[in-house]
Structures are given as C-alpha cells and as structure tokens.
Amino acid sequence: MSPDAKKKKGKNLIYWGNYDNNTITIYSSKGVNGKEKGQITTGLSNPERLFVDKQLNVYATNIGNNTVTAYKPGATTPFLTISNGVNSPTGLTVDAAGTVYCANVGNDTITVYPKGETSPSLTIPATSPEYLATDSQDNLYASEGPGIIEYAPGSSTGTNLGLPSYPGAVEVDKQGNLIVLYGAEIEYFPKGSTQPSKEIPVTEGNPFALSLSGNNKELYVSLEAGTPFVIQNVAYPNGTSLSDKLTTDTGLWPLAVSPDSALGK
C-alpha cells in the first residue's frame, strides 16, 4: 500500500475505546452511526485515553498494564510500546513533531517522549494530571487539580492560567483558544482569558472526553447516557448544541477522531 493510500485509510475516522473490554472500535466519521471499520485489541489493557497524531497513528494509554501503545492506520498491532516512566497513565497527547506526552496519576507526573523514543526526556511534577493538550507553539496544557496548568516547551515548571479548579478534558484550537470540560458544560476560553466566551450544556449524560478535529470544525464528546455511552458532536466554534454521532454502545469514555488536532512546530 502506498503512503498516500495508507494516509487516506486513516482519515475520517472515530476511535472509540472500551475500558472494560480492552478494545478500540473504529468507525467512519461520515454521518450518524457511521460504518464500523475494524477493531484493535492487541496491547490494550483498560485503555484510558486516545489520541491521533499528525501521521494518523492512534495512541492509547493503558492503565491496566502501565503502557502507551501506538498503531499505524489500518494496523491492529502496536508499532510502539512505551512503559518506562508510565505509572497509572491517563491523559495523552502527541504534538506535530511526534512528541508523546503522558499524564501519570500513579506518581503525579507528566512524562515526555521524543518521537519514537521509549524513555522520557523530561519528567514533570504535576498534581493529579488527567488530560493533556498542546498548542501550535509546543506549549503543554494539563488538566490538574488546581486548574489548567501551562508548561513552556522543555520546562518542568508550570503556570496556573487562573481557570476554575478541577477541570475535566481540555483541548486547544489553532488560535490558542482553550476548550475545557467543567461538570456538565463545555466551556470555550479565548486565548489569555479566564472567562468563557461560550458554554455548551451537555444535557444527555455525564461527559468525559473531548476530541477536536484536525480542521478545527467539529468537537466531539463521549458521555454516559444512562447505561450506554454515546458520542455527540457540535460544529466548532459556532455551534450551540450537541447532537448524537455514535449510539452503537460499543465504547465507553476513551475517544479520538482522525485526523485529530495535533498541534505544534
């Protein structure tokens, strides 16, 4: 298969992880309840978070075996497994250069792995880190107990941005605006602001993960709607309400779309 064909194979997809069943089910992102494209099981052990990098590889943090695993488009066997420095991993992001960032709630750290490396180049002390994102300048944003903490490239000392404490999932768009989940609301914070410019209520259940599409036109959220989990989406940034995207009840909270918003230099 040519590189172009492989890349096309990895586009317009939704990856939906199931923590209990150790699976990632892959769907077309076209329409509602798009066609199932396959499933990943090898290397997974209680997958917590997912992310798709600029090359359309999908990454998973596995809290069951303390690893990060990565899969090329269309593959079901990992091409990369990271365990060094991984301790009860949750949050995960990959920047445009392929650097992997992993949040570890087991020892309150964020570990940083240059592209293709399995040993961390930097270990950042953190406070209950749960979700991660990077911006176009390679700044790292962590959802921690005290709030959203920003780390400059290569720095292990962060700056609290002054947003409310105990944030949930976080995403950053191409302009540096923050998207943060607080309780049952998705809040948009313009770059440098501590007040949201928009609040989108999540009315059908308890929200968990966010995923912003690579073109920054669609925002996805996984949520528990009664017994099943569903995935909903909203047009970004102008949409005002969520609508159902996947209701097949095959996944739980781990979610990523391909292409994802993998930012950085």
Protein backbone atom coordinates (compact mmCIF):
# COMPACT_ATOMS: atom_id res chain seq x y z
CA MET A 1 0.00 0.00 0.00
CA SER A 2 1.38 3.43 -0.97
CA PRO A 3 1.94 6.13 1.70
CA ASP A 4 -0.93 8.17 0.23
CA ALA A 5 -3.27 5.18 0.36
CA LYS A 6 -2.30 4.46 3.96
CA LYS A 7 -2.93 8.06 4.95
CA LYS A 8 -6.32 8.06 3.27
CA LYS A 9 -7.13 4.87 5.16
CA GLY A 10 -6.57 6.68 8.44
CA LYS A 11 -8.77 9.71 7.70
CA ASN A 12 -12.38 10.48 8.58
CA LEU A 13 -12.47 8.02 11.46
CA ILE A 14 -13.65 7.90 15.06
CA TYR A 15 -11.76 5.70 17.52
CA TRP A 16 -13.93 4.65 20.45
CA GLY A 17 -12.24 2.82 23.32
CA ASN A 18 -13.81 0.41 25.78
CA TYR A 19 -12.02 0.31 29.15
CA ASP A 20 -13.84 -2.81 30.31
CA ASN A 21 -13.46 -4.89 27.14
CA ASN A 22 -9.91 -3.78 26.19
CA THR A 23 -10.93 -2.72 22.71
CA ILE A 24 -10.83 0.26 20.37
CA THR A 25 -13.59 0.13 17.75
CA ILE A 26 -13.07 2.19 14.62
CA TYR A 27 -15.93 3.94 12.81
CA SER A 28 -16.31 6.15 9.78
CA SER A 29 -16.97 9.73 10.89
CA LYS A 30 -19.35 10.28 7.98
CA GLY A 31 -22.99 10.65 9.01
CA VAL A 32 -24.59 9.34 12.19
CA ASN A 33 -23.59 5.83 13.32
CA GLY A 34 -21.03 5.54 10.54
CA LYS A 35 -19.83 2.19 9.23
CA GLU A 36 -17.65 0.12 11.54
CA LYS A 37 -14.15 -0.16 10.05
CA GLY A 38 -12.39 -2.52 12.43
CA GLN A 39 -11.24 -3.12 15.98
CA ILE A 40 -7.96 -3.04 17.90
CA THR A 41 -7.34 -5.37 20.84
CA THR A 42 -3.62 -6.26 20.85
CA GLY A 43 -1.64 -4.41 23.51
CA LEU A 44 -4.67 -2.83 25.16
CA SER A 45 -5.33 -3.18 28.88
CA ASN A 46 -8.02 -0.90 30.29
CA PRO A 47 -7.45 1.91 27.76
CA GLU A 48 -7.99 5.30 29.41
CA ARG A 49 -7.35 7.96 26.74
CA LEU A 50 -6.80 8.03 22.97
CA PHE A 51 -5.15 10.46 20.57
CA VAL A 52 -4.45 10.50 16.82
CA ASP A 53 -1.22 12.19 15.72
CA LYS A 54 -0.42 14.17 12.59
CA GLN A 55 0.57 10.96 10.77
CA LEU A 56 -2.84 9.47 11.68
CA ASN A 57 -1.38 6.95 14.13
CA VAL A 58 -3.65 6.27 17.10
CA TYR A 59 -2.19 6.18 20.63
CA ALA A 60 -3.72 4.72 23.80
CA THR A 61 -2.80 4.96 27.47
CA ASN A 62 -3.38 1.60 29.18
CA ILE A 63 -3.83 1.85 32.91
CA GLY A 64 -4.15 -1.94 33.23
CA ASN A 65 -0.54 -2.63 32.20
CA ASN A 66 1.11 0.81 32.54
CA THR A 67 1.86 1.35 28.87
CA VAL A 68 1.27 3.69 25.98
CA THR A 69 0.66 1.83 22.72
CA ALA A 70 0.57 3.28 19.21
CA TYR A 71 -0.93 1.85 16.00
CA LYS A 72 -0.43 2.87 12.38
CA PRO A 73 -3.52 3.48 10.21
CA GLY A 74 -5.23 0.17 9.50
CA ALA A 75 -2.93 -1.81 11.83
CA THR A 76 -4.05 -3.79 14.88
CA THR A 77 -0.60 -4.50 16.35
CA PRO A 78 1.32 -1.65 18.04
CA PHE A 79 4.42 -0.28 16.33
CA LEU A 80 5.43 1.45 19.57
CA THR A 81 5.01 0.48 23.22
CA ILE A 82 6.17 2.79 25.99
CA SER A 83 6.42 1.59 29.59
CA ASN A 84 9.44 3.42 31.04
CA GLY A 85 8.11 6.16 33.33
CA VAL A 86 4.48 5.20 32.81
CA ASN A 87 2.55 4.87 36.08
CA SER A 88 -1.25 4.56 36.01
CA PRO A 89 -1.47 6.63 32.81
CA THR A 90 -4.47 8.77 31.97
CA GLY A 91 -4.08 11.88 29.83
CA LEU A 92 -2.34 11.66 26.48
CA THR A 93 -1.44 13.93 23.61
CA VAL A 94 1.04 13.95 20.72
CA ASP A 95 2.34 17.16 19.14
CA ALA A 96 3.03 17.82 15.47
CA ALA A 97 6.66 16.67 15.83
CA GLY A 98 5.55 13.30 17.20
CA THR A 99 6.48 14.01 20.83
CA VAL A 100 4.31 11.94 23.18
CA TYR A 101 3.07 13.40 26.48
CA CYS A 102 1.65 11.04 29.11
CA ALA A 103 -0.08 12.01 32.37
CA ASN A 104 0.57 9.57 35.22
CA VAL A 105 -1.80 9.68 38.18
CA GLY A 106 0.12 6.87 39.88
CA ASN A 107 3.02 9.16 40.76
CA ASP A 108 1.69 12.63 39.81
CA THR A 109 3.94 13.22 36.83
CA ILE A 110 3.78 14.03 33.14
CA THR A 111 6.40 12.18 31.09
CA VAL A 112 7.61 13.44 27.72
CA TYR A 113 8.92 11.14 24.96
CA PRO A 114 10.56 12.42 21.76
CA LYS A 115 9.26 10.80 18.58
CA GLY A 116 9.96 7.07 18.52
CA GLU A 117 11.62 7.04 21.94
CA THR A 118 10.56 4.80 24.82
CA SER A 119 12.43 6.60 27.63
CA PRO A 120 11.30 10.03 28.80
CA SER A 121 13.42 13.08 28.01
CA LEU A 122 11.59 15.07 30.68
CA THR A 123 9.55 14.23 33.76
CA ILE A 124 7.26 17.00 35.02
CA PRO A 125 5.91 17.02 38.60
CA ALA A 126 2.13 17.55 38.46
CA THR A 127 -0.93 17.48 40.70
CA SER A 128 -3.41 14.75 39.72
CA PRO A 129 -2.93 15.25 35.96
CA GLU A 130 -5.85 13.89 33.96
CA TYR A 131 -5.97 15.42 30.45
CA LEU A 132 -3.32 16.97 28.16
CA ALA A 133 -3.14 19.14 25.04
CA THR A 134 -0.50 21.14 23.15
CA ASP A 135 -0.79 24.35 21.16
CA SER A 136 0.86 25.48 17.91
CA GLN A 137 3.90 26.78 19.84
CA ASP A 138 4.52 23.46 21.64
CA ASN A 139 3.20 24.73 24.97
CA LEU A 140 1.67 21.91 27.02
CA TYR A 141 -1.64 22.30 28.85
CA ALA A 142 -2.54 19.94 31.67
CA SER A 143 -5.86 19.49 33.39
CA GLU A 144 -4.79 19.20 37.03
CA GLY A 145 -6.48 19.57 40.40
CA PRO A 146 -5.63 23.28 40.82
CA GLY A 147 -6.79 24.16 37.29
CA ILE A 148 -5.33 24.31 33.78
CA ILE A 149 -1.53 24.44 34.04
CA GLU A 150 0.58 25.62 31.09
CA TYR A 151 4.15 24.37 30.59
CA ALA A 152 6.54 26.05 28.17
CA PRO A 153 8.47 23.70 25.85
CA GLY A 154 11.13 21.82 27.83
CA SER A 155 10.05 23.27 31.17
CA SER A 156 9.06 21.27 34.23
CA THR A 157 7.58 24.32 35.97
CA GLY A 158 4.06 25.31 35.02
CA THR A 159 1.88 28.41 35.22
CA ASN A 160 -1.68 28.24 36.54
CA LEU A 161 -3.82 30.06 33.98
CA GLY A 162 -6.40 31.10 36.56
CA LEU A 163 -9.27 29.00 35.27
CA PRO A 164 -11.53 27.20 37.77
CA SER A 165 -10.08 24.24 39.66
CA TYR A 166 -10.80 20.58 38.94
CA PRO A 167 -11.20 20.84 35.18
CA GLY A 168 -12.06 17.86 33.03
CA ALA A 169 -10.96 17.27 29.45
CA VAL A 170 -9.04 20.04 27.67
CA GLU A 171 -8.40 20.85 24.00
CA VAL A 172 -6.61 23.74 22.29
CA ASP A 173 -7.52 25.09 18.86
CA LYS A 174 -5.15 26.50 16.24
CA GLN A 175 -5.56 30.05 17.59
CA GLY A 176 -4.66 29.01 21.14
CA ASN A 177 -8.21 29.15 22.50
CA LEU A 178 -8.95 26.60 25.22
CA ILE A 179 -11.88 24.20 25.31
CA VAL A 180 -12.44 22.82 28.79
CA LEU A 181 -15.00 20.46 30.26
CA TYR A 182 -16.38 21.58 33.62
CA GLY A 183 -19.03 19.31 35.06
CA ALA A 184 -21.86 19.13 32.51
CA GLU A 185 -20.68 22.10 30.43
CA ILE A 186 -18.15 22.53 27.64
CA GLU A 187 -16.63 25.99 28.03
CA TYR A 188 -14.66 27.99 25.44
CA PHE A 189 -11.93 30.29 26.79
CA PRO A 190 -10.37 32.80 24.37
CA LYS A 191 -6.58 32.80 24.50
CA GLY A 192 -5.43 34.62 27.64
CA SER A 193 -8.91 34.90 29.14
CA THR A 194 -10.15 33.42 32.42
CA GLN A 195 -13.80 33.90 31.49
CA PRO A 196 -15.58 31.65 28.98
CA SER A 197 -16.95 33.18 25.81
CA LYS A 198 -19.35 30.28 25.32
CA GLU A 199 -20.84 27.50 27.39
CA ILE A 200 -22.41 24.44 25.77
CA PRO A 201 -24.52 22.32 28.10
CA VAL A 202 -24.24 18.54 27.98
CA THR A 203 -27.81 17.51 28.70
CA GLU A 204 -27.95 13.79 27.91
CA GLY A 205 -25.49 12.36 30.41
CA ASN A 206 -22.15 12.68 32.16
CA PRO A 207 -19.39 13.87 29.77
CA PHE A 208 -15.83 12.53 29.90
CA ALA A 209 -13.50 13.01 26.91
CA LEU A 210 -13.21 15.68 24.21
CA SER A 211 -11.70 15.44 20.74
CA LEU A 212 -11.28 18.38 18.34
CA SER A 213 -11.00 17.54 14.64
CA GLY A 214 -7.82 18.43 12.80
CA ASN A 215 -9.58 21.12 10.73
CA ASN A 216 -10.99 22.58 13.97
CA LYS A 217 -14.52 22.38 12.61
CA GLU A 218 -16.02 19.62 14.79
CA LEU A 219 -15.83 18.99 18.51
CA TYR A 220 -16.68 15.52 19.86
CA VAL A 221 -17.55 14.43 23.41
CA SER A 222 -18.06 10.98 24.94
CA LEU A 223 -20.74 10.77 27.59
CA GLU A 224 -22.55 8.28 29.75
CA ALA A 225 -26.23 8.42 28.80
CA GLY A 226 -27.87 6.13 31.34
CA THR A 227 -26.43 2.63 30.93
CA PRO A 228 -24.84 3.09 27.47
CA PHE A 229 -22.19 5.58 26.46
CA VAL A 230 -22.68 7.70 23.34
CA ILE A 231 -20.57 10.12 21.33
CA GLN A 232 -22.00 13.51 20.42
CA ASN A 233 -20.59 16.37 18.38
CA VAL A 234 -21.08 20.08 17.74
CA ALA A 235 -19.87 22.39 14.99
CA TYR A 236 -16.85 24.35 16.23
CA PRO A 237 -16.72 27.17 17.18
CA ASN A 238 -20.17 28.45 16.24
CA GLY A 239 -22.42 25.50 17.11
CA THR A 240 -24.59 25.85 20.18
CA SER A 241 -25.92 22.36 20.88
CA LEU A 242 -24.72 18.76 20.74
CA SER A 243 -26.23 16.02 18.58
CA ASP A 244 -25.74 12.26 18.51
CA LYS A 245 -22.85 10.91 16.43
CA LEU A 246 -22.42 7.31 17.66
CA THR A 247 -25.03 5.41 19.65
CA THR A 248 -23.83 1.85 18.99
CA ASP A 249 -22.87 1.24 22.66
CA THR A 250 -19.51 -0.37 21.80
CA GLY A 251 -17.28 2.10 23.64
CA LEU A 252 -17.01 3.96 26.92
CA TRP A 253 -15.15 7.26 27.56
CA PRO A 254 -11.90 6.95 25.51
CA LEU A 255 -12.37 8.90 22.26
CA ALA A 256 -10.29 10.29 19.41
CA VAL A 257 -11.07 11.44 15.89
CA SER A 258 -8.79 11.14 12.88
CA PRO A 259 -7.37 13.50 11.90
CA ASP A 260 -7.12 14.95 15.41
CA SER A 261 -5.96 18.46 16.33
CA ALA A 262 -2.24 17.60 16.64
CA LEU A 263 -0.60 20.99 17.04
CA GLY A 264 2.98 22.16 17.39
CA LYS A 265 6.03 23.23 15.42
